[in-house]
């Protein structure tokens, strides 16, 4: 029997498929596991099902002397030292594709709630401060016919662009590589420099992976380049934005607002962010649709079973 450790309780019954072949141990505490706990647990494990919050650096990977596969329960894998895993012939897998629709939907939920000040209105109504309709009550921004800038045009970025068709928007995008012409045409996307996307867009939505090149991609200079009426949305990774600079920009009103599902020092927020009325804050739930999260379990289980049975998983990131 193989040993499989799961760092967090997962939804659905997908893990049961492992039990005929594996001894499955699930972290009994519903919290993020610490590095020290991983170091103690991994020496006896053949497979690890990890969360994006788990710190799997080279030291942790070296402790997993029997590890054959790390299946990350996320599309991103910046929490894993993939090079160190490859050096030890450990396959690293993620859960792409399955969360595209849920994440694209949620980016739009943040965009619309920020533009129309839904969260402020909810708080006002619940607290009894709503005393009746007024001409200038919580004036927001229209979405229809505006310019949407997408930074990072992979599956989720394209999903956001697809949904923008119903709003008759001009869509600018910036990506490491330009998309094929047929994709641009299908979603009415125009390739542009980062500077042009920031300068011309009414809404900027971030969908790029966290890499050394994208860390603090949006800082003080980039925020100053945006329109004072612009809204910034981030459902990618927190450190893509310099959060301290964002707090300052929101406080000064150099941009209209922001909708954030991820944070630079997650789960901590930079000082002052939570007190700002012109930002919508969500607790990293872009993929938190019940169907999506259950399907993600099936994908990590498929990956683990494939590797343990000597097969090549479809979603290996270090193939």
Protein backbone atom coordinates (compact mmCIF):
# COMPACT_ATOMS: atom_id res chain seq x y z
CA UNK A 1 0.00 0.00 0.00
CA UNK A 2 1.16 3.50 -0.79
CA UNK A 3 0.95 6.34 1.72
CA UNK A 4 -0.81 9.55 0.67
CA UNK A 5 -1.04 12.66 2.81
CA UNK A 6 -3.66 15.34 2.19
CA UNK A 7 -2.91 18.66 3.85
CA UNK A 8 -6.54 19.79 4.18
CA UNK A 9 -10.00 18.22 4.26
CA UNK A 10 -11.45 18.30 0.74
CA UNK A 11 -15.07 18.38 -0.48
CA UNK A 12 -16.84 15.46 -2.07
CA UNK A 13 -15.96 11.77 -2.03
CA UNK A 14 -13.14 11.77 -4.58
CA UNK A 15 -10.46 10.76 -2.10
CA UNK A 16 -12.24 7.44 -1.55
CA UNK A 17 -10.94 6.31 -4.94
CA UNK A 18 -7.45 6.25 -3.45
CA UNK A 19 -8.21 3.90 -0.57
CA UNK A 20 -8.05 0.53 -2.41
CA UNK A 21 -4.44 1.31 -3.32
CA UNK A 22 -3.35 3.74 -0.62
CA UNK A 23 -3.33 4.54 3.05
CA UNK A 24 -4.82 8.04 3.02
CA UNK A 25 -4.13 10.43 5.88
CA UNK A 26 -5.91 13.78 6.00
CA UNK A 27 -4.73 16.61 8.19
CA UNK A 28 -7.25 16.39 11.05
CA UNK A 29 -7.18 20.13 11.73
CA UNK A 30 -9.01 22.45 9.34
CA UNK A 31 -6.19 24.95 9.00
CA UNK A 32 -3.09 25.55 6.90
CA UNK A 33 -0.37 23.06 7.68
CA UNK A 34 2.99 24.41 8.81
CA UNK A 35 6.34 23.73 7.23
CA UNK A 36 7.50 22.00 10.38
CA UNK A 37 4.54 19.61 10.23
CA UNK A 38 5.26 18.83 6.60
CA UNK A 39 8.89 18.09 7.41
CA UNK A 40 7.78 15.60 10.06
CA UNK A 41 5.10 13.90 7.95
CA UNK A 42 6.66 13.63 4.48
CA UNK A 43 9.46 11.06 4.99
CA UNK A 44 6.92 8.21 4.97
CA UNK A 45 4.70 9.52 2.16
CA UNK A 46 4.60 8.35 -1.45
CA UNK A 47 2.24 11.11 -2.56
CA UNK A 48 1.22 14.53 -1.31
CA UNK A 49 -2.00 16.37 -2.11
CA UNK A 50 -1.22 19.98 -1.25
CA UNK A 51 -2.99 23.32 -1.12
CA UNK A 52 -1.75 26.55 -2.69
CA UNK A 53 -1.07 27.84 0.84
CA UNK A 54 1.36 25.02 1.68
CA UNK A 55 5.05 26.04 1.75
CA UNK A 56 6.69 23.29 -0.30
CA UNK A 57 10.23 24.55 -0.71
CA UNK A 58 13.41 22.59 -1.41
CA UNK A 59 13.85 21.64 2.25
CA UNK A 60 10.37 20.16 2.43
CA UNK A 61 10.85 18.31 -0.85
CA UNK A 62 14.16 16.85 0.31
CA UNK A 63 12.37 15.52 3.40
CA UNK A 64 10.03 13.58 1.13
CA UNK A 65 12.57 10.92 0.27
CA UNK A 66 9.82 8.51 -0.91
CA UNK A 67 7.68 11.10 -2.69
CA UNK A 68 6.68 10.30 -6.24
CA UNK A 69 4.04 12.97 -6.85
CA UNK A 70 2.85 16.30 -5.47
CA UNK A 71 -0.68 17.09 -6.66
CA UNK A 72 -1.48 20.73 -5.93
CA UNK A 73 -5.16 21.46 -5.37
CA UNK A 74 -4.99 24.66 -7.42
CA UNK A 75 -4.22 25.86 -10.91
CA UNK A 76 -1.24 27.85 -9.61
CA UNK A 77 1.83 26.13 -8.18
CA UNK A 78 4.06 29.01 -7.11
CA UNK A 79 4.04 27.53 -3.59
CA UNK A 80 6.10 24.57 -4.84
CA UNK A 81 9.79 24.55 -5.73
CA UNK A 82 9.22 22.72 -9.00
CA UNK A 83 12.93 22.64 -9.88
CA UNK A 84 13.74 20.91 -6.59
CA UNK A 85 10.94 18.41 -7.19
CA UNK A 86 12.19 17.67 -10.70
CA UNK A 87 15.68 17.11 -9.34
CA UNK A 88 14.27 14.33 -7.15
CA UNK A 89 12.12 12.89 -9.97
CA UNK A 90 8.91 13.99 -8.24
CA UNK A 91 6.03 14.75 -10.58
CA UNK A 92 4.23 18.01 -9.80
CA UNK A 93 0.61 18.37 -10.95
CA UNK A 94 -2.05 21.06 -10.76
CA UNK A 95 -5.76 21.42 -11.54
CA UNK A 96 -6.07 23.49 -14.71
CA UNK A 97 -9.14 23.97 -16.91
CA UNK A 98 -11.71 22.80 -14.35
CA UNK A 99 -11.82 26.11 -12.47
CA UNK A 100 -11.78 28.38 -15.54
CA UNK A 101 -15.49 29.15 -15.59
CA UNK A 102 -15.87 29.62 -11.85
CA UNK A 103 -12.86 31.95 -11.72
CA UNK A 104 -13.96 33.98 -14.74
CA UNK A 105 -17.45 34.29 -13.26
CA UNK A 106 -16.00 35.54 -10.00
CA UNK A 107 -13.78 38.12 -11.67
CA UNK A 108 -16.97 39.53 -13.16
CA UNK A 109 -18.70 39.37 -9.79
CA UNK A 110 -15.92 41.52 -8.32
CA UNK A 111 -15.94 43.87 -11.30
CA UNK A 112 -19.68 44.46 -11.16
CA UNK A 113 -19.93 44.74 -7.39
CA UNK A 114 -17.07 47.24 -7.31
CA UNK A 115 -18.36 49.30 -10.22
CA UNK A 116 -21.88 49.53 -8.81
CA UNK A 117 -20.80 49.76 -5.15
CA UNK A 118 -22.90 46.76 -4.15
CA UNK A 119 -20.98 45.98 -0.95
CA UNK A 120 -21.22 49.58 0.26
CA UNK A 121 -24.93 49.55 -0.47
CA UNK A 122 -25.40 46.27 1.37
CA UNK A 123 -23.62 47.64 4.45
CA UNK A 124 -25.61 50.86 4.33
CA UNK A 125 -28.92 49.01 4.08
CA UNK A 126 -28.13 46.50 6.83
CA UNK A 127 -26.99 49.22 9.22
CA UNK A 128 -30.17 51.25 8.81
CA UNK A 129 -28.42 54.17 7.12
CA UNK A 130 -30.55 53.88 3.97
CA UNK A 131 -33.25 56.50 4.44
CA UNK A 132 -34.64 56.55 0.92
CA UNK A 133 -33.76 57.04 -2.73
CA UNK A 134 -31.54 60.02 -3.59
CA UNK A 135 -30.17 61.27 -6.94
CA UNK A 136 -26.52 60.97 -5.91
CA UNK A 137 -26.73 57.95 -3.61
CA UNK A 138 -23.74 55.62 -4.20
CA UNK A 139 -23.07 56.70 -7.76
CA UNK A 140 -21.00 54.06 -9.49
CA UNK A 141 -19.61 53.33 -12.93
CA UNK A 142 -21.41 51.94 -15.97
CA UNK A 143 -19.89 48.85 -17.55
CA UNK A 144 -21.60 48.58 -20.93
CA UNK A 145 -19.52 49.88 -23.83
CA UNK A 146 -16.42 50.56 -21.74
CA UNK A 147 -12.86 49.28 -22.25
CA UNK A 148 -11.74 46.15 -20.43
CA UNK A 149 -8.04 45.45 -20.02
CA UNK A 150 -6.96 41.87 -19.37
CA UNK A 151 -3.44 41.16 -18.14
CA UNK A 152 -2.72 37.48 -18.53
CA UNK A 153 -4.76 35.97 -21.34
CA UNK A 154 -4.72 32.27 -20.53
CA UNK A 155 -7.87 30.21 -20.07
CA UNK A 156 -9.30 32.37 -17.30
CA UNK A 157 -8.39 35.66 -18.99
CA UNK A 158 -10.06 34.44 -22.17
CA UNK A 159 -13.08 33.38 -20.12
CA UNK A 160 -13.37 36.91 -18.77
CA UNK A 161 -13.13 38.27 -22.32
CA UNK A 162 -15.83 35.87 -23.48
CA UNK A 163 -18.20 37.17 -20.82
CA UNK A 164 -17.46 40.75 -21.83
CA UNK A 165 -19.13 40.20 -25.19
CA UNK A 166 -22.52 40.74 -23.62
CA UNK A 167 -21.43 44.20 -22.48
CA UNK A 168 -20.23 45.27 -25.93
CA UNK A 169 -16.83 46.20 -24.53
CA UNK A 170 -13.59 47.01 -26.24
CA UNK A 171 -11.12 44.43 -24.96
CA UNK A 172 -7.39 45.08 -24.72
CA UNK A 173 -5.05 42.39 -23.46
CA UNK A 174 -1.40 42.00 -22.53
CA UNK A 175 0.23 38.60 -22.34
CA UNK A 176 3.72 37.12 -22.45
CA UNK A 177 2.90 35.85 -25.92
CA UNK A 178 0.37 37.17 -28.36
CA UNK A 179 -2.64 34.91 -28.83
CA UNK A 180 -3.38 33.23 -32.18
CA UNK A 181 -5.41 35.37 -34.55
CA UNK A 182 -8.45 33.07 -34.35
CA UNK A 183 -8.59 33.45 -30.55
CA UNK A 184 -8.27 37.23 -30.76
CA UNK A 185 -11.03 37.30 -33.35
CA UNK A 186 -13.34 34.97 -31.40
CA UNK A 187 -13.22 37.16 -28.28
CA UNK A 188 -12.69 40.52 -30.02
CA UNK A 189 -9.40 41.00 -28.18
CA UNK A 190 -6.77 43.54 -29.18
CA UNK A 191 -3.14 42.94 -28.20
CA UNK A 192 -1.49 45.94 -26.51
CA UNK A 193 1.49 46.85 -24.38
CA UNK A 194 1.09 46.83 -20.62
CA UNK A 195 1.33 50.61 -20.65
CA UNK A 196 -1.49 50.93 -23.19
CA UNK A 197 -3.73 48.51 -21.31
CA UNK A 198 -3.31 50.48 -18.10
CA UNK A 199 -3.71 53.88 -19.73
CA UNK A 200 -6.75 53.11 -21.89
CA UNK A 201 -8.82 50.67 -19.81
CA UNK A 202 -11.78 51.49 -17.62
CA UNK A 203 -11.44 48.08 -15.95
CA UNK A 204 -8.20 46.13 -15.56
CA UNK A 205 -8.46 42.44 -14.61
CA UNK A 206 -5.36 40.46 -13.62
CA UNK A 207 -5.03 36.78 -14.57
CA UNK A 208 -1.27 36.21 -14.77
CA UNK A 209 0.70 33.61 -12.78
CA UNK A 210 3.02 34.74 -10.00
CA UNK A 211 6.60 34.66 -11.26
CA UNK A 212 9.66 36.80 -10.50
CA UNK A 213 8.70 38.90 -13.52
CA UNK A 214 5.09 39.47 -12.43
CA UNK A 215 5.71 40.18 -8.74
CA UNK A 216 4.63 43.80 -8.12
CA UNK A 217 3.80 44.12 -11.81
CA UNK A 218 1.21 46.66 -10.66
CA UNK A 219 2.97 49.18 -8.46
CA UNK A 220 2.81 52.90 -7.79
CA UNK A 221 3.83 53.89 -11.33
CA UNK A 222 1.35 51.55 -12.96
CA UNK A 223 -1.49 52.72 -10.71
CA UNK A 224 -0.70 56.34 -11.59
CA UNK A 225 -0.90 55.39 -15.28
CA UNK A 226 -4.49 54.22 -14.89
CA UNK A 227 -7.53 56.44 -15.31
CA UNK A 228 -8.82 58.05 -12.11
CA UNK A 229 -12.16 56.40 -12.96
CA UNK A 230 -10.59 52.95 -13.46
CA UNK A 231 -11.24 49.81 -11.44
CA UNK A 232 -8.60 47.13 -10.77
CA UNK A 233 -9.60 43.47 -10.31
CA UNK A 234 -7.26 40.76 -9.05
CA UNK A 235 -8.16 37.06 -8.97
CA UNK A 236 -4.65 35.84 -9.85
CA UNK A 237 -2.09 36.05 -7.03
CA UNK A 238 -1.78 38.77 -4.41
CA UNK A 239 1.89 39.71 -4.89
CA UNK A 240 1.21 40.69 -8.52
CA UNK A 241 0.08 43.98 -6.94
CA UNK A 242 2.16 46.12 -4.61
CA UNK A 243 -0.58 46.25 -1.99
CA UNK A 244 0.94 49.17 -0.10
CA UNK A 245 0.91 51.25 -3.28
CA UNK A 246 -2.67 50.15 -3.96
CA UNK A 247 -3.81 51.30 -0.51
CA UNK A 248 -2.28 54.69 -1.22
CA UNK A 249 -3.89 54.93 -4.66
CA UNK A 250 -7.32 53.99 -3.32
CA UNK A 251 -6.98 56.38 -0.39
CA UNK A 252 -6.01 59.25 -2.67
CA UNK A 253 -8.65 58.40 -5.26
CA UNK A 254 -6.11 58.06 -8.08
CA UNK A 255 -8.24 55.08 -9.21
CA UNK A 256 -11.96 54.64 -8.56
CA UNK A 257 -11.80 51.26 -6.84
CA UNK A 258 -10.55 47.69 -6.68
CA UNK A 259 -11.94 44.20 -6.26
CA UNK A 260 -9.53 41.70 -4.69
CA UNK A 261 -9.81 37.97 -4.13
CA UNK A 262 -6.11 37.53 -3.29
CA UNK A 263 -3.63 39.44 -1.15
CA UNK A 264 0.09 40.04 -1.02
CA UNK A 265 0.60 38.55 2.47
CA UNK A 266 -2.48 36.35 2.47
CA UNK A 267 -4.45 36.05 4.66
CA UNK A 268 -3.12 39.27 6.22
CA UNK A 269 -4.04 42.60 4.65
CA UNK A 270 -1.77 45.59 4.31
CA UNK A 271 -2.56 48.28 6.92
CA UNK A 272 -5.45 50.47 5.89
CA UNK A 273 -6.86 48.22 3.16
CA UNK A 274 -9.81 46.89 5.17
CA UNK A 275 -10.88 50.40 6.14
CA UNK A 276 -11.24 51.67 2.57
CA UNK A 277 -14.80 51.91 1.24
CA UNK A 278 -13.74 51.73 -2.44
CA UNK A 279 -12.39 48.19 -2.37
CA UNK A 280 -14.29 44.89 -2.37
CA UNK A 281 -12.44 42.18 -0.46
CA UNK A 282 -13.10 38.46 -0.91
CA UNK A 283 -11.35 35.59 0.93
CA UNK A 284 -9.77 33.80 -2.07
CA UNK A 285 -12.99 32.15 -3.24
CA UNK A 286 -12.86 32.58 -7.04
CA UNK A 287 -12.98 28.80 -7.56
CA UNK A 288 -15.34 28.17 -4.64
CA UNK A 289 -18.25 26.74 -6.57
CA UNK A 290 -19.27 23.37 -5.15
CA UNK A 291 -19.05 21.61 -8.52
CA UNK A 292 -15.66 23.12 -9.28
CA UNK A 293 -14.06 22.26 -5.97
CA UNK A 294 -15.33 18.66 -6.15
CA UNK A 295 -14.01 18.31 -9.70
CA UNK A 296 -10.64 19.60 -8.52
CA UNK A 297 -10.51 16.69 -6.06
CA UNK A 298 -11.13 14.24 -8.90
CA UNK A 299 -8.24 15.76 -10.86
CA UNK A 300 -5.69 15.52 -8.05
CA UNK A 301 -6.80 11.95 -7.34
CA UNK A 302 -6.41 11.08 -11.04
CA UNK A 303 -2.89 12.52 -10.96
CA UNK A 304 -1.86 10.61 -7.86
CA UNK A 305 -3.25 7.32 -9.17
CA UNK A 306 -1.58 7.78 -12.54
CA UNK A 307 1.87 8.36 -11.06
CA UNK A 308 1.62 5.59 -8.47
CA UNK A 309 0.57 3.18 -11.23
CA UNK A 310 3.50 4.16 -13.42
CA UNK A 311 1.52 6.29 -15.85
CA UNK A 312 1.97 9.88 -16.96
CA UNK A 313 -0.68 12.27 -15.59
CA UNK A 314 -2.27 14.68 -18.02
CA UNK A 315 -1.68 17.73 -15.86
CA UNK A 316 1.98 17.44 -14.89
CA UNK A 317 3.71 20.82 -14.82
CA UNK A 318 7.22 19.35 -14.94
CA UNK A 319 6.60 16.72 -17.58
